[in-house]
Amino acid sequence: SACTSAGGPDAARLVRALGLLVVRVPGPVAHAFGADLGLRPGNDGFALTFDFPDEATYRAWDTDPEHERIRRELIVPLITGAHRVQLRLP
């Protein structure tokens, strides 16, 4: 999940940046992202998930130069931090 200071314009900009990432950098077979619904106090402001067919595809996607550029220029400036988890789905 990405921690944002608030929803609103920053969340909308984050959605646009992630949409650009999906279009420009191949790899994920499924994805979802969006601002927290605010149903429970203390949640982060934004969450995202990307599913990959295997670890090699994830690693190639994560180190892709265009991915790194989008992350550095468009995503990192909008977030206050991130919590990352990689897990293997059955």
C-alpha atoms as a PDB file:
ATOM      1  CA  SER A   1       0.000   0.000   0.000  1.00  0.00           C
ATOM      2  CA  ALA A   2       1.107   3.519  -0.600  1.00  0.00           C
ATOM      3  CA  CYS A   3       0.722   5.981   2.247  1.00  0.00           C
ATOM      4  CA  THR A   4      -0.631   9.309   1.132  1.00  0.00           C
ATOM      5  CA  SER A   5      -1.279  12.278   3.349  1.00  0.00           C
ATOM      6  CA  ALA A   6      -4.840  12.557   2.035  1.00  0.00           C
ATOM      7  CA  GLY A   7      -7.145  11.505  -0.761  1.00  0.00           C
ATOM      8  CA  GLY A   8      -8.386  14.108  -3.202  1.00  0.00           C
ATOM      9  CA  PRO A   9      -6.085  15.540  -5.852  1.00  0.00           C
ATOM     10  CA  ASP A  10      -3.014  13.544  -4.807  1.00  0.00           C
ATOM     11  CA  ALA A  11      -4.973  10.284  -4.979  1.00  0.00           C
ATOM     12  CA  ALA A  12      -6.285  11.240  -8.422  1.00  0.00           C
ATOM     13  CA  ARG A  13      -2.751  12.046  -9.604  1.00  0.00           C
ATOM     14  CA  LEU A  14      -1.514   8.749  -8.159  1.00  0.00           C
ATOM     15  CA  VAL A  15      -4.238   6.848 -10.037  1.00  0.00           C
ATOM     16  CA  ARG A  16      -3.189   8.568 -13.280  1.00  0.00           C
ATOM     17  CA  ALA A  17       0.500   7.750 -12.679  1.00  0.00           C
ATOM     18  CA  LEU A  18      -0.287   4.106 -11.946  1.00  0.00           C
ATOM     19  CA  GLY A  19      -2.500   3.936 -15.034  1.00  0.00           C
ATOM     20  CA  LEU A  20       0.451   5.166 -17.071  1.00  0.00           C
ATOM     21  CA  LEU A  21       2.633   2.499 -15.477  1.00  0.00           C
ATOM     22  CA  VAL A  22       0.126  -0.215 -16.439  1.00  0.00           C
ATOM     23  CA  VAL A  23       0.025   0.965 -20.057  1.00  0.00           C
ATOM     24  CA  ARG A  24       3.763   1.482 -20.528  1.00  0.00           C
ATOM     25  CA  VAL A  25       5.406  -1.352 -18.593  1.00  0.00           C
ATOM     26  CA  PRO A  26       4.337  -4.930 -19.365  1.00  0.00           C
ATOM     27  CA  GLY A  27       4.353  -7.669 -16.748  1.00  0.00           C
ATOM     28  CA  PRO A  28       1.343  -7.693 -14.418  1.00  0.00           C
ATOM     29  CA  VAL A  29      -1.516 -10.029 -15.308  1.00  0.00           C
ATOM     30  CA  ALA A  30      -3.889  -8.188 -12.943  1.00  0.00           C
ATOM     31  CA  HIS A  31      -3.865  -4.994 -10.925  1.00  0.00           C
ATOM     32  CA  ALA A  32      -6.031  -2.832  -8.681  1.00  0.00           C
ATOM     33  CA  PHE A  33      -5.410   0.498  -6.983  1.00  0.00           C
ATOM     34  CA  GLY A  34      -7.294   3.344  -5.382  1.00  0.00           C
ATOM     35  CA  ALA A  35      -7.861   5.601  -2.405  1.00  0.00           C
ATOM     36  CA  ASP A  36      -8.945   4.110   0.912  1.00  0.00           C
ATOM     37  CA  LEU A  37     -12.708   4.166   1.470  1.00  0.00           C
ATOM     38  CA  GLY A  38     -12.266   5.373   5.052  1.00  0.00           C
ATOM     39  CA  LEU A  39     -14.256   2.521   6.570  1.00  0.00           C
ATOM     40  CA  ARG A  40     -11.804   2.015   9.432  1.00  0.00           C
ATOM     41  CA  PRO A  41      -9.717   4.638  11.256  1.00  0.00           C
ATOM     42  CA  GLY A  42      -5.961   4.334  10.923  1.00  0.00           C
ATOM     43  CA  ASN A  43      -5.864   2.902   7.416  1.00  0.00           C
ATOM     44  CA  ASP A  44      -3.318   4.106   4.898  1.00  0.00           C
ATOM     45  CA  GLY A  45      -4.697   6.513   2.319  1.00  0.00           C
ATOM     46  CA  PHE A  46      -4.111   4.434  -0.808  1.00  0.00           C
ATOM     47  CA  ALA A  47      -3.539   0.811  -1.754  1.00  0.00           C
ATOM     48  CA  LEU A  48      -2.390  -1.040  -4.821  1.00  0.00           C
ATOM     49  CA  THR A  49      -1.812  -4.596  -5.907  1.00  0.00           C
ATOM     50  CA  PHE A  50      -0.149  -6.092  -8.958  1.00  0.00           C
ATOM     51  CA  ASP A  51      -0.243  -9.810  -9.797  1.00  0.00           C
ATOM     52  CA  PHE A  52       2.501 -11.487 -11.835  1.00  0.00           C
ATOM     53  CA  PRO A  53       2.732 -14.952 -13.362  1.00  0.00           C
ATOM     54  CA  ASP A  54       6.094 -15.592 -11.688  1.00  0.00           C
ATOM     55  CA  GLU A  55       8.962 -14.012  -9.769  1.00  0.00           C
ATOM     56  CA  ALA A  56      11.102 -13.442 -12.859  1.00  0.00           C
ATOM     57  CA  THR A  57       8.362 -11.336 -14.455  1.00  0.00           C
ATOM     58  CA  TYR A  58       8.015  -9.288 -11.270  1.00  0.00           C
ATOM     59  CA  ARG A  59      11.763  -8.685 -11.078  1.00  0.00           C
ATOM     60  CA  ALA A  60      11.937  -7.596 -14.737  1.00  0.00           C
ATOM     61  CA  TRP A  61       8.955  -5.250 -14.225  1.00  0.00           C
ATOM     62  CA  ASP A  62      10.327  -3.801 -10.987  1.00  0.00           C
ATOM     63  CA  THR A  63      13.688  -2.915 -12.553  1.00  0.00           C
ATOM     64  CA  ASP A  64      12.370  -1.778 -15.945  1.00  0.00           C
ATOM     65  CA  PRO A  65      13.831   1.683 -16.720  1.00  0.00           C
ATOM     66  CA  GLU A  66      10.424   3.171 -17.612  1.00  0.00           C
ATOM     67  CA  HIS A  67       8.931   1.773 -14.390  1.00  0.00           C
ATOM     68  CA  GLU A  68      11.780   3.312 -12.405  1.00  0.00           C
ATOM     69  CA  ARG A  69      11.253   6.664 -14.163  1.00  0.00           C
ATOM     70  CA  ILE A  70       7.498   6.712 -13.535  1.00  0.00           C
ATOM     71  CA  ARG A  71       8.014   5.678  -9.915  1.00  0.00           C
ATOM     72  CA  ARG A  72      10.722   8.301  -9.318  1.00  0.00           C
ATOM     73  CA  GLU A  73       9.107  11.218 -11.179  1.00  0.00           C
ATOM     74  CA  LEU A  74       5.367  10.665 -10.762  1.00  0.00           C
ATOM     75  CA  ILE A  75       4.688   8.356  -7.811  1.00  0.00           C
ATOM     76  CA  VAL A  76       7.289   8.985  -5.097  1.00  0.00           C
ATOM     77  CA  PRO A  77       6.590  12.750  -4.937  1.00  0.00           C
ATOM     78  CA  LEU A  78       2.938  11.990  -4.104  1.00  0.00           C
ATOM     79  CA  ILE A  79       3.418   9.565  -1.223  1.00  0.00           C
ATOM     80  CA  THR A  80       4.762   9.885   2.299  1.00  0.00           C
ATOM     81  CA  GLY A  81       5.897   6.265   2.475  1.00  0.00           C
ATOM     82  CA  ALA A  82       5.103   2.739   1.378  1.00  0.00           C
ATOM     83  CA  HIS A  83       4.474  -0.685   2.876  1.00  0.00           C
ATOM     84  CA  ARG A  84       5.488  -3.466   0.496  1.00  0.00           C
ATOM     85  CA  VAL A  85       4.745  -7.170   0.573  1.00  0.00           C
ATOM     86  CA  GLN A  86       5.418  -9.808  -2.023  1.00  0.00           C
ATOM     87  CA  LEU A  87       3.635 -13.115  -1.595  1.00  0.00           C
ATOM     88  CA  ARG A  88       3.048 -16.229  -3.625  1.00  0.00           C
ATOM     89  CA  LEU A  89      -0.610 -16.945  -4.375  1.00  0.00           C
ATOM     90  CA  PRO A  90      -1.861 -20.526  -4.627  1.00  0.00           C
END
